[in-house]
Amino acid sequence: METINWLLVYIYSLANLLGKFLLDVLSLIFHFSNYPVKLIDPIGFLMILTIFFVVVIYARRIAKWILIISWIFIAFRIAIVIYQS
């Protein structure tokens, strides 16, 4: 139970930091000084979900190419073994 609590606190802290960071960057770009504090956490959680989504998409693509290249190497190895004997 302690591990789950630690993980949730870590995720919340990360979301809070990311939300503050994005709103600070937006305030520099659009020159506004006050932003709603209630937007920090939802924006941070959306950023975490977006980062997770992008990582999952690219991880599937990378894993697919690794699998294809591995099968090609195995096929070459089998062909080498067959032709050597």
PDB file of N, CA and C in Angstrom:
ATOM      1  N   MET A   1       0.823  -1.193   0.000  1.00  0.00           N
ATOM      2  CA  MET A   1       0.000   0.000   0.000  1.00  0.00           C
ATOM      3  C   MET A   1       0.868   1.259   0.000  1.00  0.00           C
ATOM      4  N   GLU A   2       2.003   1.166   0.669  1.00  0.00           N
ATOM      5  CA  GLU A   2       2.913   2.307   0.727  1.00  0.00           C
ATOM      6  C   GLU A   2       3.490   2.622  -0.647  1.00  0.00           C
ATOM      7  N   THR A   3       3.753   1.588  -1.441  1.00  0.00           N
ATOM      8  CA  THR A   3       4.315   1.789  -2.779  1.00  0.00           C
ATOM      9  C   THR A   3       3.312   2.492  -3.677  1.00  0.00           C
ATOM     10  N   ILE A   4       2.060   2.091  -3.603  1.00  0.00           N
ATOM     11  CA  ILE A   4       1.026   2.729  -4.419  1.00  0.00           C
ATOM     12  C   ILE A   4       0.880   4.195  -4.026  1.00  0.00           C
ATOM     13  N   ASN A   5       0.883   4.466  -2.734  1.00  0.00           N
ATOM     14  CA  ASN A   5       0.776   5.843  -2.266  1.00  0.00           C
ATOM     15  C   ASN A   5       1.953   6.673  -2.760  1.00  0.00           C
ATOM     16  N   TRP A   6       3.165   6.128  -2.684  1.00  0.00           N
ATOM     17  CA  TRP A   6       4.353   6.833  -3.156  1.00  0.00           C
ATOM     18  C   TRP A   6       4.260   7.103  -4.654  1.00  0.00           C
ATOM     19  N   LEU A   7       3.797   6.104  -5.431  1.00  0.00           N
ATOM     20  CA  LEU A   7       3.683   6.258  -6.876  1.00  0.00           C
ATOM     21  C   LEU A   7       2.663   7.334  -7.237  1.00  0.00           C
ATOM     22  N   LEU A   8       1.525   7.357  -6.562  1.00  0.00           N
ATOM     23  CA  LEU A   8       0.502   8.363  -6.840  1.00  0.00           C
ATOM     24  C   LEU A   8       0.980   9.768  -6.471  1.00  0.00           C
ATOM     25  N   VAL A   9       1.697   9.894  -5.367  1.00  0.00           N
ATOM     26  CA  VAL A   9       2.242  11.197  -4.977  1.00  0.00           C
ATOM     27  C   VAL A   9       3.270  11.656  -6.003  1.00  0.00           C
ATOM     28  N   TYR A  10       4.093  10.745  -6.495  1.00  0.00           N
ATOM     29  CA  TYR A  10       5.091  11.079  -7.507  1.00  0.00           C
ATOM     30  C   TYR A  10       4.413  11.546  -8.792  1.00  0.00           C
ATOM     31  N   ILE A  11       3.392  10.823  -9.246  1.00  0.00           N
ATOM     32  CA  ILE A  11       2.685  11.197 -10.471  1.00  0.00           C
ATOM     33  C   ILE A  11       2.010  12.553 -10.305  1.00  0.00           C
ATOM     34  N   TYR A  12       1.384  12.783  -9.154  1.00  0.00           N
ATOM     35  CA  TYR A  12       0.733  14.067  -8.910  1.00  0.00           C
ATOM     36  C   TYR A  12       1.757  15.206  -8.892  1.00  0.00           C
ATOM     37  N   SER A  13       2.889  14.983  -8.254  1.00  0.00           N
ATOM     38  CA  SER A  13       3.921  16.021  -8.199  1.00  0.00           C
ATOM     39  C   SER A  13       4.450  16.328  -9.597  1.00  0.00           C
ATOM     40  N   LEU A  14       4.658  15.283 -10.379  1.00  0.00           N
ATOM     41  CA  LEU A  14       5.127  15.476 -11.747  1.00  0.00           C
ATOM     42  C   LEU A  14       4.099  16.239 -12.570  1.00  0.00           C
ATOM     43  N   ALA A  15       2.821  15.883 -12.424  1.00  0.00           N
ATOM     44  CA  ALA A  15       1.760  16.588 -13.154  1.00  0.00           C
ATOM     45  C   ALA A  15       1.704  18.047 -12.738  1.00  0.00           C
ATOM     46  N   ASN A  16       1.856  18.311 -11.464  1.00  0.00           N
ATOM     47  CA  ASN A  16       1.819  19.680 -10.975  1.00  0.00           C
ATOM     48  C   ASN A  16       2.983  20.490 -11.549  1.00  0.00           C
ATOM     49  N   LEU A  17       4.176  19.908 -11.554  1.00  0.00           N
ATOM     50  CA  LEU A  17       5.338  20.603 -12.105  1.00  0.00           C
ATOM     51  C   LEU A  17       5.195  20.852 -13.602  1.00  0.00           C
ATOM     52  N   LEU A  18       4.722  19.845 -14.335  1.00  0.00           N
ATOM     53  CA  LEU A  18       4.538  20.007 -15.777  1.00  0.00           C
ATOM     54  C   LEU A  18       3.479  21.049 -16.095  1.00  0.00           C
ATOM     55  N   GLY A  19       2.388  21.042 -15.334  1.00  0.00           N
ATOM     56  CA  GLY A  19       1.340  22.041 -15.538  1.00  0.00           C
ATOM     57  C   GLY A  19       1.833  23.443 -15.273  1.00  0.00           C
ATOM     58  N   LYS A  20       2.573  23.632 -14.172  1.00  0.00           N
ATOM     59  CA  LYS A  20       3.145  24.947 -13.875  1.00  0.00           C
ATOM     60  C   LYS A  20       4.116  25.379 -14.966  1.00  0.00           C
ATOM     61  N   PHE A  21       4.944  24.438 -15.424  1.00  0.00           N
ATOM     62  CA  PHE A  21       5.914  24.757 -16.466  1.00  0.00           C
ATOM     63  C   PHE A  21       5.219  25.228 -17.739  1.00  0.00           C
ATOM     64  N   LEU A  22       4.194  24.487 -18.190  1.00  0.00           N
ATOM     65  CA  LEU A  22       3.506  24.856 -19.424  1.00  0.00           C
ATOM     66  C   LEU A  22       2.804  26.202 -19.279  1.00  0.00           C
ATOM     67  N   LEU A  23       2.152  26.427 -18.152  1.00  0.00           N
ATOM     68  CA  LEU A  23       1.476  27.711 -17.965  1.00  0.00           C
ATOM     69  C   LEU A  23       2.470  28.862 -17.841  1.00  0.00           C
ATOM     70  N   ASP A  24       3.634  28.616 -17.264  1.00  0.00           N
ATOM     71  CA  ASP A  24       4.663  29.663 -17.220  1.00  0.00           C
ATOM     72  C   ASP A  24       5.185  29.987 -18.616  1.00  0.00           C
ATOM     73  N   VAL A  25       5.375  28.950 -19.432  1.00  0.00           N
ATOM     74  CA  VAL A  25       5.824  29.174 -20.813  1.00  0.00           C
ATOM     75  C   VAL A  25       4.752  29.934 -21.590  1.00  0.00           C
ATOM     76  N   LEU A  26       3.493  29.544 -21.418  1.00  0.00           N
ATOM     77  CA  LEU A  26       2.409  30.251 -22.110  1.00  0.00           C
ATOM     78  C   LEU A  26       2.286  31.691 -21.634  1.00  0.00           C
ATOM     79  N   SER A  27       2.536  31.936 -20.353  1.00  0.00           N
ATOM     80  CA  SER A  27       2.462  33.313 -19.857  1.00  0.00           C
ATOM     81  C   SER A  27       3.600  34.167 -20.416  1.00  0.00           C
ATOM     82  N   LEU A  28       4.744  33.547 -20.700  1.00  0.00           N
ATOM     83  CA  LEU A  28       5.831  34.293 -21.330  1.00  0.00           C
ATOM     84  C   LEU A  28       5.523  34.611 -22.791  1.00  0.00           C
ATOM     85  N   ILE A  29       4.887  33.666 -23.466  1.00  0.00           N
ATOM     86  CA  ILE A  29       4.582  33.856 -24.885  1.00  0.00           C
ATOM     87  C   ILE A  29       3.454  34.862 -25.068  1.00  0.00           C
ATOM     88  N   PHE A  30       2.372  34.700 -24.288  1.00  0.00           N
ATOM     89  CA  PHE A  30       1.185  35.529 -24.481  1.00  0.00           C
ATOM     90  C   PHE A  30       1.107  36.700 -23.513  1.00  0.00           C
ATOM     91  N   HIS A  31       2.087  36.885 -22.680  1.00  0.00           N
ATOM     92  CA  HIS A  31       2.201  38.036 -21.774  1.00  0.00           C
ATOM     93  C   HIS A  31       0.991  38.217 -20.866  1.00  0.00           C
ATOM     94  N   PHE A  32       0.580  37.161 -20.194  1.00  0.00           N
ATOM     95  CA  PHE A  32      -0.441  37.315 -19.164  1.00  0.00           C
ATOM     96  C   PHE A  32       0.170  36.931 -17.829  1.00  0.00           C
ATOM     97  N   SER A  33      -0.214  37.652 -16.799  1.00  0.00           N
ATOM     98  CA  SER A  33       0.432  37.444 -15.502  1.00  0.00           C
ATOM     99  C   SER A  33      -0.358  36.500 -14.607  1.00  0.00           C
ATOM    100  N   ASN A  34      -1.664  36.512 -14.721  1.00  0.00           N
ATOM    101  CA  ASN A  34      -2.482  35.656 -13.865  1.00  0.00           C
ATOM    102  C   ASN A  34      -3.086  34.531 -14.691  1.00  0.00           C
ATOM    103  N   TYR A  35      -2.892  33.327 -14.232  1.00  0.00           N
ATOM    104  CA  TYR A  35      -3.569  32.194 -14.849  1.00  0.00           C
ATOM    105  C   TYR A  35      -4.299  31.442 -13.753  1.00  0.00           C
ATOM    106  N   PRO A  36      -5.392  30.794 -14.117  1.00  0.00           N
ATOM    107  CA  PRO A  36      -6.168  30.078 -13.092  1.00  0.00           C
ATOM    108  C   PRO A  36      -5.354  28.931 -12.493  1.00  0.00           C
ATOM    109  N   VAL A  37      -5.254  28.916 -11.201  1.00  0.00           N
ATOM    110  CA  VAL A  37      -4.488  27.883 -10.505  1.00  0.00           C
ATOM    111  C   VAL A  37      -5.164  26.522 -10.670  1.00  0.00           C
ATOM    112  N   LYS A  38      -6.465  26.523 -10.878  1.00  0.00           N
ATOM    113  CA  LYS A  38      -7.189  25.262 -11.052  1.00  0.00           C
ATOM    114  C   LYS A  38      -6.810  24.547 -12.345  1.00  0.00           C
ATOM    115  N   LEU A  39      -6.153  25.226 -13.258  1.00  0.00           N
ATOM    116  CA  LEU A  39      -5.762  24.598 -14.521  1.00  0.00           C
ATOM    117  C   LEU A  39      -4.423  23.871 -14.448  1.00  0.00           C
ATOM    118  N   ILE A  40      -3.663  24.078 -13.398  1.00  0.00           N
ATOM    119  CA  ILE A  40      -2.319  23.498 -13.318  1.00  0.00           C
ATOM    120  C   ILE A  40      -2.373  21.971 -13.339  1.00  0.00           C
ATOM    121  N   ASP A  41      -3.166  21.377 -12.463  1.00  0.00           N
ATOM    122  CA  ASP A  41      -3.201  19.908 -12.370  1.00  0.00           C
ATOM    123  C   ASP A  41      -3.804  19.239 -13.605  1.00  0.00           C
ATOM    124  N   PRO A  42      -4.956  19.707 -14.130  1.00  0.00           N
ATOM    125  CA  PRO A  42      -5.478  19.043 -15.334  1.00  0.00           C
ATOM    126  C   PRO A  42      -4.539  19.129 -16.529  1.00  0.00           C
ATOM    127  N   ILE A  43      -3.893  20.277 -16.712  1.00  0.00           N
ATOM    128  CA  ILE A  43      -2.951  20.405 -17.824  1.00  0.00           C
ATOM    129  C   ILE A  43      -1.753  19.485 -17.610  1.00  0.00           C
ATOM    130  N   GLY A  44      -1.288  19.374 -16.380  1.00  0.00           N
ATOM    131  CA  GLY A  44      -0.166  18.484 -16.091  1.00  0.00           C
ATOM    132  C   GLY A  44      -0.507  17.027 -16.342  1.00  0.00           C
ATOM    133  N   PHE A  45      -1.707  16.603 -15.920  1.00  0.00           N
ATOM    134  CA  PHE A  45      -2.110  15.218 -16.173  1.00  0.00           C
ATOM    135  C   PHE A  45      -2.298  14.955 -17.661  1.00  0.00           C
ATOM    136  N   LEU A  46      -2.827  15.931 -18.394  1.00  0.00           N
ATOM    137  CA  LEU A  46      -2.941  15.760 -19.843  1.00  0.00           C
ATOM    138  C   LEU A  46      -1.571  15.665 -20.502  1.00  0.00           C
ATOM    139  N   MET A  47      -0.602  16.413 -19.990  1.00  0.00           N
ATOM    140  CA  MET A  47       0.754  16.303 -20.535  1.00  0.00           C
ATOM    141  C   MET A  47       1.348  14.931 -20.256  1.00  0.00           C
ATOM    142  N   ILE A  48       1.126  14.390 -19.058  1.00  0.00           N
ATOM    143  CA  ILE A  48       1.632  13.051 -18.735  1.00  0.00           C
ATOM    144  C   ILE A  48       0.992  12.013 -19.640  1.00  0.00           C
ATOM    145  N   LEU A  49      -0.320  12.099 -19.838  1.00  0.00           N
ATOM    146  CA  LEU A  49      -0.998  11.146 -20.716  1.00  0.00           C
ATOM    147  C   LEU A  49      -0.524  11.265 -22.154  1.00  0.00           C
ATOM    148  N   THR A  50      -0.278  12.483 -22.608  1.00  0.00           N
ATOM    149  CA  THR A  50       0.220  12.680 -23.973  1.00  0.00           C
ATOM    150  C   THR A  50       1.611  12.096 -24.142  1.00  0.00           C
ATOM    151  N   ILE A  51       2.486  12.328 -23.179  1.00  0.00           N
ATOM    152  CA  ILE A  51       3.836  11.765 -23.235  1.00  0.00           C
ATOM    153  C   ILE A  51       3.779  10.241 -23.230  1.00  0.00           C
ATOM    154  N   PHE A  52       2.932   9.665 -22.385  1.00  0.00           N
ATOM    155  CA  PHE A  52       2.771   8.213 -22.336  1.00  0.00           C
ATOM    156  C   PHE A  52       2.263   7.682 -23.667  1.00  0.00           C
ATOM    157  N   PHE A  53       1.292   8.370 -24.263  1.00  0.00           N
ATOM    158  CA  PHE A  53       0.724   7.955 -25.544  1.00  0.00           C
ATOM    159  C   PHE A  53       1.778   7.967 -26.644  1.00  0.00           C
ATOM    160  N   VAL A  54       2.583   9.017 -26.700  1.00  0.00           N
ATOM    161  CA  VAL A  54       3.629   9.116 -27.725  1.00  0.00           C
ATOM    162  C   VAL A  54       4.673   8.022 -27.531  1.00  0.00           C
ATOM    163  N   VAL A  55       5.059   7.769 -26.290  1.00  0.00           N
ATOM    164  CA  VAL A  55       6.039   6.722 -26.018  1.00  0.00           C
ATOM    165  C   VAL A  55       5.502   5.358 -26.436  1.00  0.00           C
ATOM    166  N   VAL A  56       4.238   5.084 -26.153  1.00  0.00           N
ATOM    167  CA  VAL A  56       3.646   3.792 -26.522  1.00  0.00           C
ATOM    168  C   VAL A  56       3.591   3.642 -28.036  1.00  0.00           C
ATOM    169  N   ILE A  57       3.211   4.697 -28.739  1.00  0.00           N
ATOM    170  CA  ILE A  57       3.138   4.617 -30.205  1.00  0.00           C
ATOM    171  C   ILE A  57       4.505   4.314 -30.801  1.00  0.00           C
ATOM    172  N   TYR A  58       5.521   5.049 -30.380  1.00  0.00           N
ATOM    173  CA  TYR A  58       6.842   4.827 -30.950  1.00  0.00           C
ATOM    174  C   TYR A  58       7.474   3.532 -30.466  1.00  0.00           C
ATOM    175  N   ALA A  59       7.159   3.112 -29.271  1.00  0.00           N
ATOM    176  CA  ALA A  59       7.697   1.842 -28.776  1.00  0.00           C
ATOM    177  C   ALA A  59       7.157   0.679 -29.602  1.00  0.00           C
ATOM    178  N   ARG A  60       5.898   0.741 -29.993  1.00  0.00           N
ATOM    179  CA  ARG A  60       5.345  -0.324 -30.839  1.00  0.00           C
ATOM    180  C   ARG A  60       6.042  -0.354 -32.190  1.00  0.00           C
ATOM    181  N   ARG A  61       6.295   0.817 -32.771  1.00  0.00           N
ATOM    182  CA  ARG A  61       6.982   0.867 -34.062  1.00  0.00           C
ATOM    183  C   ARG A  61       8.398   0.330 -33.959  1.00  0.00           C
ATOM    184  N   ILE A  62       9.103   0.730 -32.916  1.00  0.00           N
ATOM    185  CA  ILE A  62      10.476   0.265 -32.732  1.00  0.00           C
ATOM    186  C   ILE A  62      10.504  -1.236 -32.491  1.00  0.00           C
ATOM    187  N   ALA A  63       9.576  -1.723 -31.656  1.00  0.00           N
ATOM    188  CA  ALA A  63       9.525  -3.163 -31.384  1.00  0.00           C
ATOM    189  C   ALA A  63       9.202  -3.944 -32.652  1.00  0.00           C
ATOM    190  N   LYS A  64       8.349  -3.404 -33.506  1.00  0.00           N
ATOM    191  CA  LYS A  64       8.009  -4.081 -34.759  1.00  0.00           C
ATOM    192  C   LYS A  64       9.241  -4.211 -35.644  1.00  0.00           C
ATOM    193  N   TRP A  65      10.020  -3.142 -35.772  1.00  0.00           N
ATOM    194  CA  TRP A  65      11.209  -3.197 -36.608  1.00  0.00           C
ATOM    195  C   TRP A  65      12.278  -4.103 -36.018  1.00  0.00           C
ATOM    196  N   ILE A  66      12.417  -4.116 -34.714  1.00  0.00           N
ATOM    197  CA  ILE A  66      13.364  -5.029 -34.081  1.00  0.00           C
ATOM    198  C   ILE A  66      12.963  -6.468 -34.343  1.00  0.00           C
ATOM    199  N   LEU A  67      11.675  -6.759 -34.255  1.00  0.00           N
ATOM    200  CA  LEU A  67      11.189  -8.114 -34.520  1.00  0.00           C
ATOM    201  C   LEU A  67      11.440  -8.518 -35.975  1.00  0.00           C
ATOM    202  N   ILE A  68      11.160  -7.631 -36.911  1.00  0.00           N
ATOM    203  CA  ILE A  68      11.381  -7.940 -38.332  1.00  0.00           C
ATOM    204  C   ILE A  68      12.860  -8.175 -38.616  1.00  0.00           C
ATOM    205  N   ILE A  69      13.723  -7.314 -38.116  1.00  0.00           N
ATOM    206  CA  ILE A  69      15.161  -7.466 -38.341  1.00  0.00           C
ATOM    207  C   ILE A  69      15.686  -8.734 -37.683  1.00  0.00           C
ATOM    208  N   SER A  70      15.163  -9.071 -36.518  1.00  0.00           N
ATOM    209  CA  SER A  70      15.580 -10.312 -35.845  1.00  0.00           C
ATOM    210  C   SER A  70      15.219 -11.531 -36.664  1.00  0.00           C
ATOM    211  N   TRP A  71      14.016 -11.562 -37.236  1.00  0.00           N
ATOM    212  CA  TRP A  71      13.624 -12.695 -38.076  1.00  0.00           C
ATOM    213  C   TRP A  71      14.492 -12.785 -39.328  1.00  0.00           C
ATOM    214  N   ILE A  72      14.871 -11.653 -39.889  1.00  0.00           N
ATOM    215  CA  ILE A  72      15.754 -11.666 -41.057  1.00  0.00           C
ATOM    216  C   ILE A  72      17.119 -12.229 -40.675  1.00  0.00           C
ATOM    217  N   PHE A  73      17.668 -11.812 -39.540  1.00  0.00           N
ATOM    218  CA  PHE A  73      18.955 -12.346 -39.089  1.00  0.00           C
ATOM    219  C   PHE A  73      18.873 -13.844 -38.812  1.00  0.00           C
ATOM    220  N   ILE A  74      17.786 -14.302 -38.212  1.00  0.00           N
ATOM    221  CA  ILE A  74      17.611 -15.745 -37.957  1.00  0.00           C
ATOM    222  C   ILE A  74      17.532 -16.512 -39.275  1.00  0.00           C
ATOM    223  N   ALA A  75      16.821 -15.952 -40.251  1.00  0.00           N
ATOM    224  CA  ALA A  75      16.729 -16.620 -41.561  1.00  0.00           C
ATOM    225  C   ALA A  75      18.101 -16.711 -42.217  1.00  0.00           C
ATOM    226  N   PHE A  76      18.899 -15.645 -42.143  1.00  0.00           N
ATOM    227  CA  PHE A  76      20.262 -15.692 -42.677  1.00  0.00           C
ATOM    228  C   PHE A  76      21.105 -16.723 -41.945  1.00  0.00           C
ATOM    229  N   ARG A  77      20.968 -16.792 -40.640  1.00  0.00           N
ATOM    230  CA  ARG A  77      21.746 -17.764 -39.847  1.00  0.00           C
ATOM    231  C   ARG A  77      21.369 -19.201 -40.245  1.00  0.00           C
ATOM    232  N   ILE A  78      20.073 -19.444 -40.403  1.00  0.00           N
ATOM    233  CA  ILE A  78      19.633 -20.792 -40.822  1.00  0.00           C
ATOM    234  C   ILE A  78      20.171 -21.107 -42.218  1.00  0.00           C
ATOM    235  N   ALA A  79      20.130 -20.130 -43.103  1.00  0.00           N
ATOM    236  CA  ALA A  79      20.654 -20.365 -44.458  1.00  0.00           C
ATOM    237  C   ALA A  79      22.145 -20.648 -44.431  1.00  0.00           C
ATOM    238  N   ILE A  80      22.890 -19.936 -43.596  1.00  0.00           N
ATOM    239  CA  ILE A  80      24.338 -20.176 -43.490  1.00  0.00           C
ATOM    240  C   ILE A  80      24.602 -21.568 -42.959  1.00  0.00           C
ATOM    241  N   VAL A  81      23.850 -21.989 -41.945  1.00  0.00           N
ATOM    242  CA  VAL A  81      24.046 -23.319 -41.366  1.00  0.00           C
ATOM    243  C   VAL A  81      23.715 -24.405 -42.372  1.00  0.00           C
ATOM    244  N   ILE A  82      22.654 -24.203 -43.153  1.00  0.00           N
ATOM    245  CA  ILE A  82      22.249 -25.213 -44.156  1.00  0.00           C
ATOM    246  C   ILE A  82      23.292 -25.315 -45.254  1.00  0.00           C
ATOM    247  N   TYR A  83      23.809 -24.208 -45.754  1.00  0.00           N
ATOM    248  CA  TYR A  83      24.762 -24.246 -46.862  1.00  0.00           C
ATOM    249  C   TYR A  83      26.163 -24.691 -46.424  1.00  0.00           C
ATOM    250  N   GLN A  84      26.499 -24.534 -45.143  1.00  0.00           N
ATOM    251  CA  GLN A  84      27.815 -24.972 -44.689  1.00  0.00           C
ATOM    252  C   GLN A  84      27.885 -26.475 -44.496  1.00  0.00           C
ATOM    253  N   SER A  85      26.757 -27.110 -44.256  1.00  0.00           N
ATOM    254  CA  SER A  85      26.817 -28.565 -44.017  1.00  0.00           C
ATOM    255  C   SER A  85      26.436 -29.345 -45.224  1.00  0.00           C
TER     256      SER A  85
END
